[in-house]
Amino acid sequence: MDKTIWTVGPGGVLMLNGGKAPLIKGVVYSPVPIGGSYDIEPHGDFYIGGEGSPPWFQWAPWWQPDLDAMAAAGVDGIRTYSWFMWVPTHANLKAARTGVMPPIERDHTKFLDDCHGKGITVLMGVGWNPVDFPLKRANWTNGFKEFYVENCRAIAQRYGAHPA
């Protein structure tokens, strides 16, 4: 696997692997099925699935046809919504506050592999329920902020070197 390294060059120019990044023909994408909602499992993270994942995390049949259609249309970049390495539960917020997260619960590798195979680069988005933004007072001390920091750190560590 080749590494993909994004940086910002002089004058704020977006750089890809040391050279000026190409124009991206992209979309913002979330494969939420009809009736899906951020408020129910998997909390908007429908990019999971693949070998070894539980049956309720098998969302590839929803996004694989979309990726095929996007590639056929010339899309070469997408930004996702709501990637979670852990479910955003009260227990996980509390764990984040203590700095000791449980083992990672989700795997997005198959989605990224499929994107890479179709020439699609992925900018991974981390979303939260709109009622929590801007940061409401209850979230100042309940581990909300720490959970999102840990989630972003885990995403970067696990997928930062993925070629997609």
Protein backbone atom coordinates (compact mmCIF):
# COMPACT_ATOMS: atom_id res chain seq x y z
CA MET A 1 0.00 0.00 0.00
CA ASP A 2 1.30 3.43 -0.91
CA LYS A 3 0.96 6.19 1.66
CA THR A 4 -1.18 9.23 0.93
CA ILE A 5 0.23 12.36 2.57
CA TRP A 6 -1.79 15.58 2.53
CA THR A 7 -0.08 18.82 3.62
CA VAL A 8 -0.56 22.54 3.15
CA GLY A 9 2.18 24.33 1.23
CA PRO A 10 3.16 27.99 0.95
CA GLY A 11 0.21 30.29 0.46
CA GLY A 12 -2.23 27.64 1.72
CA VAL A 13 -1.90 25.44 -1.38
CA LEU A 14 -3.17 21.91 -0.80
CA MET A 15 -0.37 19.40 -1.45
CA LEU A 16 -0.62 15.68 -2.14
CA ASN A 17 2.51 13.57 -1.63
CA GLY A 18 4.73 16.65 -1.94
CA GLY A 19 3.18 18.06 -5.13
CA LYS A 20 0.25 20.34 -5.78
CA ALA A 21 -2.95 18.36 -5.27
CA PRO A 22 -5.09 17.76 -8.34
CA LEU A 23 -8.57 19.16 -8.71
CA ILE A 24 -10.95 16.88 -6.84
CA LYS A 25 -14.21 15.88 -8.49
CA GLY A 26 -16.06 14.85 -5.40
CA VAL A 27 -19.19 14.59 -3.36
CA VAL A 28 -20.22 14.52 0.27
CA TYR A 29 -21.51 11.02 0.84
CA SER A 30 -23.41 9.01 3.42
CA PRO A 31 -25.05 5.69 2.54
CA VAL A 32 -27.91 6.03 5.04
CA PRO A 33 -30.71 3.62 4.18
CA ILE A 34 -34.31 4.80 4.05
CA GLY A 35 -35.51 5.21 7.62
CA GLY A 36 -31.95 5.43 8.97
CA SER A 37 -31.16 8.09 11.54
CA TYR A 38 -28.20 9.39 13.49
CA ASP A 39 -30.15 8.58 16.65
CA ILE A 40 -30.13 4.80 16.09
CA GLU A 41 -27.28 2.31 15.69
CA PRO A 42 -24.91 2.67 13.85
CA HIS A 43 -25.34 6.45 14.44
CA GLY A 44 -24.81 7.45 10.81
CA ASP A 45 -21.73 5.25 10.38
CA PHE A 46 -22.93 3.05 7.53
CA TYR A 47 -19.39 2.65 6.09
CA ILE A 48 -18.62 -0.45 8.14
CA GLY A 49 -18.74 -4.14 7.33
CA GLY A 50 -16.67 -6.84 5.84
CA GLU A 51 -15.19 -10.11 6.99
CA GLY A 52 -15.27 -10.55 10.76
CA SER A 53 -17.85 -7.82 11.39
CA PRO A 54 -21.11 -8.74 13.13
CA PRO A 55 -24.15 -9.17 10.85
CA TRP A 56 -25.65 -5.86 12.01
CA PHE A 57 -22.50 -4.07 10.77
CA GLN A 58 -22.72 -5.41 7.20
CA TRP A 59 -23.49 -2.23 5.27
CA ALA A 60 -21.42 -2.95 2.15
CA PRO A 61 -24.53 -3.83 0.05
CA TRP A 62 -25.68 -0.23 0.58
CA TRP A 63 -22.47 1.54 -0.43
CA GLN A 64 -20.90 -0.76 -3.02
CA PRO A 65 -23.41 0.12 -5.79
CA ASP A 66 -23.04 3.80 -4.90
CA LEU A 67 -19.25 3.62 -5.24
CA ASP A 68 -19.63 1.89 -8.61
CA ALA A 69 -21.95 4.65 -9.82
CA MET A 70 -19.70 7.41 -8.45
CA ALA A 71 -16.62 5.94 -10.15
CA ALA A 72 -18.53 5.62 -13.43
CA ALA A 73 -19.51 9.30 -13.11
CA GLY A 74 -15.87 10.35 -12.65
CA VAL A 75 -15.99 11.06 -8.92
CA ASP A 76 -12.47 10.79 -7.50
CA GLY A 77 -13.02 12.08 -3.97
CA ILE A 78 -15.65 11.88 -1.25
CA ARG A 79 -16.10 13.34 2.22
CA THR A 80 -17.93 11.07 4.62
CA TYR A 81 -20.09 11.73 7.64
CA SER A 82 -20.07 10.19 11.13
CA TRP A 83 -17.16 7.77 11.30
CA PHE A 84 -16.95 6.16 14.71
CA MET A 85 -14.43 3.67 16.03
CA TRP A 86 -16.70 3.21 19.07
CA VAL A 87 -20.40 3.75 19.56
CA PRO A 88 -20.94 7.19 21.18
CA THR A 89 -22.56 5.82 24.35
CA HIS A 90 -22.49 7.25 27.87
CA ALA A 91 -20.11 4.43 28.86
CA ASN A 92 -17.69 5.32 26.06
CA LEU A 93 -17.87 9.03 26.88
CA LYS A 94 -17.01 8.15 30.48
CA ALA A 95 -14.13 5.93 29.28
CA ALA A 96 -12.79 8.78 27.16
CA ARG A 97 -12.87 11.08 30.19
CA THR A 98 -10.63 8.60 32.05
CA GLY A 99 -8.38 8.17 29.00
CA VAL A 100 -8.89 4.39 28.77
CA MET A 101 -10.98 3.44 25.74
CA PRO A 102 -12.23 -0.11 25.17
CA PRO A 103 -10.96 -2.10 22.17
CA ILE A 104 -12.00 -0.58 18.83
CA GLU A 105 -15.44 -1.81 17.81
CA ARG A 106 -15.66 -0.91 14.13
CA ASP A 107 -13.72 -1.49 10.94
CA HIS A 108 -13.94 0.75 7.85
CA THR A 109 -11.16 -0.98 5.90
CA LYS A 110 -13.39 -2.67 3.33
CA PHE A 111 -15.02 0.67 2.44
CA LEU A 112 -11.60 2.31 2.05
CA ASP A 113 -10.26 -0.63 0.04
CA ASP A 114 -13.25 -0.44 -2.32
CA CYS A 115 -12.80 3.32 -2.71
CA HIS A 116 -9.10 2.92 -3.43
CA GLY A 117 -9.83 0.20 -5.98
CA LYS A 118 -12.13 2.61 -7.81
CA GLY A 119 -9.69 5.56 -7.65
CA ILE A 120 -11.71 7.43 -5.01
CA THR A 121 -9.90 9.32 -2.25
CA VAL A 122 -11.72 9.60 1.09
CA LEU A 123 -11.76 12.51 3.52
CA MET A 124 -13.12 10.93 6.69
CA GLY A 125 -15.70 13.02 8.49
CA VAL A 126 -16.62 12.76 12.14
CA GLY A 127 -20.11 13.99 12.89
CA TRP A 128 -22.28 14.41 15.91
CA ASN A 129 -25.93 14.85 16.55
CA PRO A 130 -26.93 18.42 15.62
CA VAL A 131 -28.52 18.94 19.06
CA ASP A 132 -24.98 18.72 20.51
CA PHE A 133 -23.65 21.59 18.37
CA PRO A 134 -22.57 24.10 19.34
CA LEU A 135 -21.14 22.33 22.34
CA LYS A 136 -23.91 22.42 24.91
CA ARG A 137 -23.10 22.88 28.58
CA ALA A 138 -23.78 19.25 29.55
CA ASN A 139 -21.04 18.17 27.14
CA TRP A 140 -18.40 20.28 28.86
CA THR A 141 -17.82 17.66 31.57
CA ASN A 142 -19.40 14.37 30.44
CA GLY A 143 -16.54 13.14 28.22
CA PHE A 144 -18.14 14.30 24.95
CA LYS A 145 -15.13 16.32 23.83
CA GLU A 146 -12.68 13.66 24.96
CA PHE A 147 -14.65 10.95 23.12
CA TYR A 148 -14.41 12.85 19.85
CA VAL A 149 -10.70 13.52 20.32
CA GLU A 150 -10.10 9.80 20.99
CA ASN A 151 -12.29 8.85 18.02
CA CYS A 152 -10.34 11.14 15.68
CA ARG A 153 -7.03 9.89 17.05
CA ALA A 154 -8.06 6.26 16.51
CA ILE A 155 -9.24 7.00 12.94
CA ALA A 156 -5.94 8.73 12.14
CA GLN A 157 -3.85 5.93 13.63
CA ARG A 158 -5.79 3.12 11.97
CA TYR A 159 -6.35 4.66 8.53
CA GLY A 160 -3.86 7.51 8.13
CA ALA A 161 -1.56 5.43 5.95
CA HIS A 162 -4.35 3.86 3.87
CA PRO A 163 -3.93 4.84 0.21
CA ALA A 164 -7.57 5.98 -0.03
